[in-house]
Amino acid sequence: MPHNEFIVSVVVLASAVLLISFWKQILFILLFGVIMVFCFGVYNVASAVHG
């Protein structure tokens, strides 16, 4: 196995372990981000209607 492929494999493995370990936190952050974007969009629509 070439040296570069070994590094890529290690990075992918580490990423998988981190995702498995922190999937609940990641899911919460994603959900929070989606809610923030949704609220921002609703606010923009409301301000455009009232503007």
PDB file of N, CA and C in Angstrom:
ATOM      1  N   MET A   1       0.849  -1.203   0.000  1.00  0.00           N
ATOM      2  CA  MET A   1       0.000   0.000   0.000  1.00  0.00           C
ATOM      3  C   MET A   1       0.881   1.247   0.000  1.00  0.00           C
ATOM      4  N   PRO A   2       0.663   2.149  -0.951  1.00  0.00           N
ATOM      5  CA  PRO A   2       1.449   3.391  -0.965  1.00  0.00           C
ATOM      6  C   PRO A   2       1.224   4.229   0.291  1.00  0.00           C
ATOM      7  N   HIS A   3       2.201   5.069   0.584  1.00  0.00           N
ATOM      8  CA  HIS A   3       2.158   5.898   1.792  1.00  0.00           C
ATOM      9  C   HIS A   3       0.934   6.813   1.797  1.00  0.00           C
ATOM     10  N   ASN A   4       0.608   7.390   0.641  1.00  0.00           N
ATOM     11  CA  ASN A   4      -0.520   8.318   0.534  1.00  0.00           C
ATOM     12  C   ASN A   4      -1.843   7.615   0.834  1.00  0.00           C
ATOM     13  N   GLU A   5      -2.022   6.411   0.316  1.00  0.00           N
ATOM     14  CA  GLU A   5      -3.251   5.654   0.563  1.00  0.00           C
ATOM     15  C   GLU A   5      -3.392   5.320   2.037  1.00  0.00           C
ATOM     16  N   PHE A   6      -2.279   5.039   2.708  1.00  0.00           N
ATOM     17  CA  PHE A   6      -2.300   4.726   4.133  1.00  0.00           C
ATOM     18  C   PHE A   6      -2.813   5.924   4.930  1.00  0.00           C
ATOM     19  N   ILE A   7      -2.324   7.118   4.593  1.00  0.00           N
ATOM     20  CA  ILE A   7      -2.757   8.342   5.276  1.00  0.00           C
ATOM     21  C   ILE A   7      -4.253   8.567   5.055  1.00  0.00           C
ATOM     22  N   VAL A   8      -4.712   8.375   3.824  1.00  0.00           N
ATOM     23  CA  VAL A   8      -6.131   8.551   3.512  1.00  0.00           C
ATOM     24  C   VAL A   8      -6.973   7.551   4.306  1.00  0.00           C
ATOM     25  N   SER A   9      -6.510   6.306   4.390  1.00  0.00           N
ATOM     26  CA  SER A   9      -7.240   5.279   5.133  1.00  0.00           C
ATOM     27  C   SER A   9      -7.345   5.638   6.609  1.00  0.00           C
ATOM     28  N   VAL A  10      -6.253   6.133   7.183  1.00  0.00           N
ATOM     29  CA  VAL A  10      -6.249   6.523   8.594  1.00  0.00           C
ATOM     30  C   VAL A  10      -7.213   7.681   8.826  1.00  0.00           C
ATOM     31  N   VAL A  11      -7.212   8.670   7.922  1.00  0.00           N
ATOM     32  CA  VAL A  11      -8.103   9.822   8.056  1.00  0.00           C
ATOM     33  C   VAL A  11      -9.565   9.382   7.961  1.00  0.00           C
ATOM     34  N   VAL A  12      -9.879   8.500   7.021  1.00  0.00           N
ATOM     35  CA  VAL A  12     -11.251   8.016   6.865  1.00  0.00           C
ATOM     36  C   VAL A  12     -11.679   7.236   8.102  1.00  0.00           C
ATOM     37  N   LEU A  13     -10.788   6.391   8.613  1.00  0.00           N
ATOM     38  CA  LEU A  13     -11.098   5.605   9.808  1.00  0.00           C
ATOM     39  C   LEU A  13     -11.333   6.517  11.012  1.00  0.00           C
ATOM     40  N   ALA A  14     -10.480   7.521  11.182  1.00  0.00           N
ATOM     41  CA  ALA A  14     -10.634   8.463  12.290  1.00  0.00           C
ATOM     42  C   ALA A  14     -11.942   9.238  12.157  1.00  0.00           C
ATOM     43  N   SER A  15     -12.284   9.642  10.943  1.00  0.00           N
ATOM     44  CA  SER A  15     -13.532  10.365  10.712  1.00  0.00           C
ATOM     45  C   SER A  15     -14.731   9.489  11.055  1.00  0.00           C
ATOM     46  N   ALA A  16     -14.665   8.209  10.671  1.00  0.00           N
ATOM     47  CA  ALA A  16     -15.765   7.291  10.969  1.00  0.00           C
ATOM     48  C   ALA A  16     -15.922   7.111  12.476  1.00  0.00           C
ATOM     49  N   VAL A  17     -14.816   6.955  13.188  1.00  0.00           N
ATOM     50  CA  VAL A  17     -14.873   6.793  14.643  1.00  0.00           C
ATOM     51  C   VAL A  17     -15.458   8.040  15.298  1.00  0.00           C
ATOM     52  N   LEU A  18     -15.028   9.222  14.839  1.00  0.00           N
ATOM     53  CA  LEU A  18     -15.553  10.469  15.397  1.00  0.00           C
ATOM     54  C   LEU A  18     -17.054  10.604  15.125  1.00  0.00           C
ATOM     55  N   LEU A  19     -17.477  10.264  13.898  1.00  0.00           N
ATOM     56  CA  LEU A  19     -18.894  10.359  13.558  1.00  0.00           C
ATOM     57  C   LEU A  19     -19.725   9.425  14.411  1.00  0.00           C
ATOM     58  N   ILE A  20     -19.224   8.180  14.622  1.00  0.00           N
ATOM     59  CA  ILE A  20     -19.953   7.218  15.436  1.00  0.00           C
ATOM     60  C   ILE A  20     -20.014   7.698  16.886  1.00  0.00           C
ATOM     61  N   SER A  21     -18.929   8.291  17.367  1.00  0.00           N
ATOM     62  CA  SER A  21     -18.873   8.744  18.755  1.00  0.00           C
ATOM     63  C   SER A  21     -19.780   9.948  18.995  1.00  0.00           C
ATOM     64  N   PHE A  22     -19.796  10.865  18.035  1.00  0.00           N
ATOM     65  CA  PHE A  22     -20.458  12.152  18.256  1.00  0.00           C
ATOM     66  C   PHE A  22     -21.694  12.351  17.396  1.00  0.00           C
ATOM     67  N   TRP A  23     -22.310  11.246  16.917  1.00  0.00           N
ATOM     68  CA  TRP A  23     -23.427  11.428  15.987  1.00  0.00           C
ATOM     69  C   TRP A  23     -24.590  12.154  16.638  1.00  0.00           C
ATOM     70  N   LYS A  24     -24.818  11.966  17.936  1.00  0.00           N
ATOM     71  CA  LYS A  24     -25.922  12.670  18.588  1.00  0.00           C
ATOM     72  C   LYS A  24     -25.655  14.174  18.636  1.00  0.00           C
ATOM     73  N   GLN A  25     -24.429  14.551  18.998  1.00  0.00           N
ATOM     74  CA  GLN A  25     -24.079  15.968  19.031  1.00  0.00           C
ATOM     75  C   GLN A  25     -24.162  16.573  17.633  1.00  0.00           C
ATOM     76  N   ILE A  26     -23.658  15.821  16.630  1.00  0.00           N
ATOM     77  CA  ILE A  26     -23.677  16.313  15.244  1.00  0.00           C
ATOM     78  C   ILE A  26     -25.125  16.483  14.780  1.00  0.00           C
ATOM     79  N   LEU A  27     -25.975  15.504  15.128  1.00  0.00           N
ATOM     80  CA  LEU A  27     -27.384  15.582  14.750  1.00  0.00           C
ATOM     81  C   LEU A  27     -28.043  16.792  15.397  1.00  0.00           C
ATOM     82  N   PHE A  28     -27.733  17.040  16.679  1.00  0.00           N
ATOM     83  CA  PHE A  28     -28.297  18.186  17.391  1.00  0.00           C
ATOM     84  C   PHE A  28     -27.854  19.487  16.743  1.00  0.00           C
ATOM     85  N   ILE A  29     -26.566  19.592  16.387  1.00  0.00           N
ATOM     86  CA  ILE A  29     -26.038  20.805  15.765  1.00  0.00           C
ATOM     87  C   ILE A  29     -26.704  21.031  14.399  1.00  0.00           C
ATOM     88  N   LEU A  30     -26.854  19.944  13.622  1.00  0.00           N
ATOM     89  CA  LEU A  30     -27.506  20.068  12.322  1.00  0.00           C
ATOM     90  C   LEU A  30     -28.957  20.512  12.482  1.00  0.00           C
ATOM     91  N   LEU A  31     -29.655  19.903  13.450  1.00  0.00           N
ATOM     92  CA  LEU A  31     -31.042  20.259  13.691  1.00  0.00           C
ATOM     93  C   LEU A  31     -31.164  21.725  14.103  1.00  0.00           C
ATOM     94  N   PHE A  32     -30.265  22.159  15.001  1.00  0.00           N
ATOM     95  CA  PHE A  32     -30.245  23.547  15.445  1.00  0.00           C
ATOM     96  C   PHE A  32     -30.012  24.482  14.253  1.00  0.00           C
ATOM     97  N   GLY A  33     -29.064  24.123  13.370  1.00  0.00           N
ATOM     98  CA  GLY A  33     -28.778  24.930  12.194  1.00  0.00           C
ATOM     99  C   GLY A  33     -29.970  25.025  11.256  1.00  0.00           C
ATOM    100  N   VAL A  34     -30.664  23.901  11.050  1.00  0.00           N
ATOM    101  CA  VAL A  34     -31.839  23.899  10.176  1.00  0.00           C
ATOM    102  C   VAL A  34     -32.932  24.780  10.764  1.00  0.00           C
ATOM    103  N   ILE A  35     -33.135  24.680  12.085  1.00  0.00           N
ATOM    104  CA  ILE A  35     -34.165  25.500  12.737  1.00  0.00           C
ATOM    105  C   ILE A  35     -33.816  26.979  12.620  1.00  0.00           C
ATOM    106  N   MET A  36     -32.545  27.325  12.824  1.00  0.00           N
ATOM    107  CA  MET A  36     -32.116  28.722  12.713  1.00  0.00           C
ATOM    108  C   MET A  36     -32.367  29.251  11.306  1.00  0.00           C
ATOM    109  N   VAL A  37     -31.993  28.462  10.279  1.00  0.00           N
ATOM    110  CA  VAL A  37     -32.197  28.884   8.889  1.00  0.00           C
ATOM    111  C   VAL A  37     -33.688  29.034   8.592  1.00  0.00           C
ATOM    112  N   PHE A  38     -34.493  28.104   9.088  1.00  0.00           N
ATOM    113  CA  PHE A  38     -35.940  28.161   8.884  1.00  0.00           C
ATOM    114  C   PHE A  38     -36.524  29.428   9.518  1.00  0.00           C
ATOM    115  N   CYS A  39     -36.138  29.702  10.771  1.00  0.00           N
ATOM    116  CA  CYS A  39     -36.644  30.894  11.464  1.00  0.00           C
ATOM    117  C   CYS A  39     -36.198  32.165  10.749  1.00  0.00           C
ATOM    118  N   PHE A  40     -34.957  32.183  10.268  1.00  0.00           N
ATOM    119  CA  PHE A  40     -34.448  33.337   9.538  1.00  0.00           C
ATOM    120  C   PHE A  40     -35.244  33.558   8.256  1.00  0.00           C
ATOM    121  N   GLY A  41     -35.552  32.456   7.562  1.00  0.00           N
ATOM    122  CA  GLY A  41     -36.351  32.537   6.343  1.00  0.00           C
ATOM    123  C   GLY A  41     -37.760  33.052   6.610  1.00  0.00           C
ATOM    124  N   VAL A  42     -38.379  32.543   7.692  1.00  0.00           N
ATOM    125  CA  VAL A  42     -39.716  33.004   8.065  1.00  0.00           C
ATOM    126  C   VAL A  42     -39.689  34.479   8.409  1.00  0.00           C
ATOM    127  N   TYR A  43     -38.657  34.901   9.136  1.00  0.00           N
ATOM    128  CA  TYR A  43     -38.514  36.313   9.503  1.00  0.00           C
ATOM    129  C   TYR A  43     -38.374  37.185   8.261  1.00  0.00           C
ATOM    130  N   ASN A  44     -37.570  36.725   7.303  1.00  0.00           N
ATOM    131  CA  ASN A  44     -37.378  37.496   6.064  1.00  0.00           C
ATOM    132  C   ASN A  44     -38.697  37.613   5.287  1.00  0.00           C
ATOM    133  N   VAL A  45     -39.440  36.520   5.209  1.00  0.00           N
ATOM    134  CA  VAL A  45     -40.721  36.539   4.497  1.00  0.00           C
ATOM    135  C   VAL A  45     -41.697  37.493   5.210  1.00  0.00           C
ATOM    136  N   ALA A  46     -41.743  37.413   6.549  1.00  0.00           N
ATOM    137  CA  ALA A  46     -42.635  38.270   7.311  1.00  0.00           C
ATOM    138  C   ALA A  46     -42.266  39.746   7.155  1.00  0.00           C
ATOM    139  N   SER A  47     -40.986  40.034   7.192  1.00  0.00           N
ATOM    140  CA  SER A  47     -40.548  41.426   7.057  1.00  0.00           C
ATOM    141  C   SER A  47     -40.810  41.930   5.630  1.00  0.00           C
ATOM    142  N   ALA A  48     -40.697  41.048   4.643  1.00  0.00           N
ATOM    143  CA  ALA A  48     -40.975  41.446   3.265  1.00  0.00           C
ATOM    144  C   ALA A  48     -42.473  41.720   3.086  1.00  0.00           C
ATOM    145  N   VAL A  49     -43.311  40.906   3.715  1.00  0.00           N
ATOM    146  CA  VAL A  49     -44.754  41.102   3.614  1.00  0.00           C
ATOM    147  C   VAL A  49     -45.181  42.381   4.309  1.00  0.00           C
ATOM    148  N   HIS A  50     -44.604  42.634   5.494  1.00  0.00           N
ATOM    149  CA  HIS A  50     -44.977  43.828   6.258  1.00  0.00           C
ATOM    150  C   HIS A  50     -44.262  45.090   5.772  1.00  0.00           C
ATOM    151  N   GLY A  51     -43.174  44.890   5.021  1.00  0.00           N
ATOM    152  CA  GLY A  51     -42.398  46.026   4.574  1.00  0.00           C
ATOM    153  C   GLY A  51     -43.133  46.837   3.535  1.00  0.00           C
TER     154      GLY A  51
END
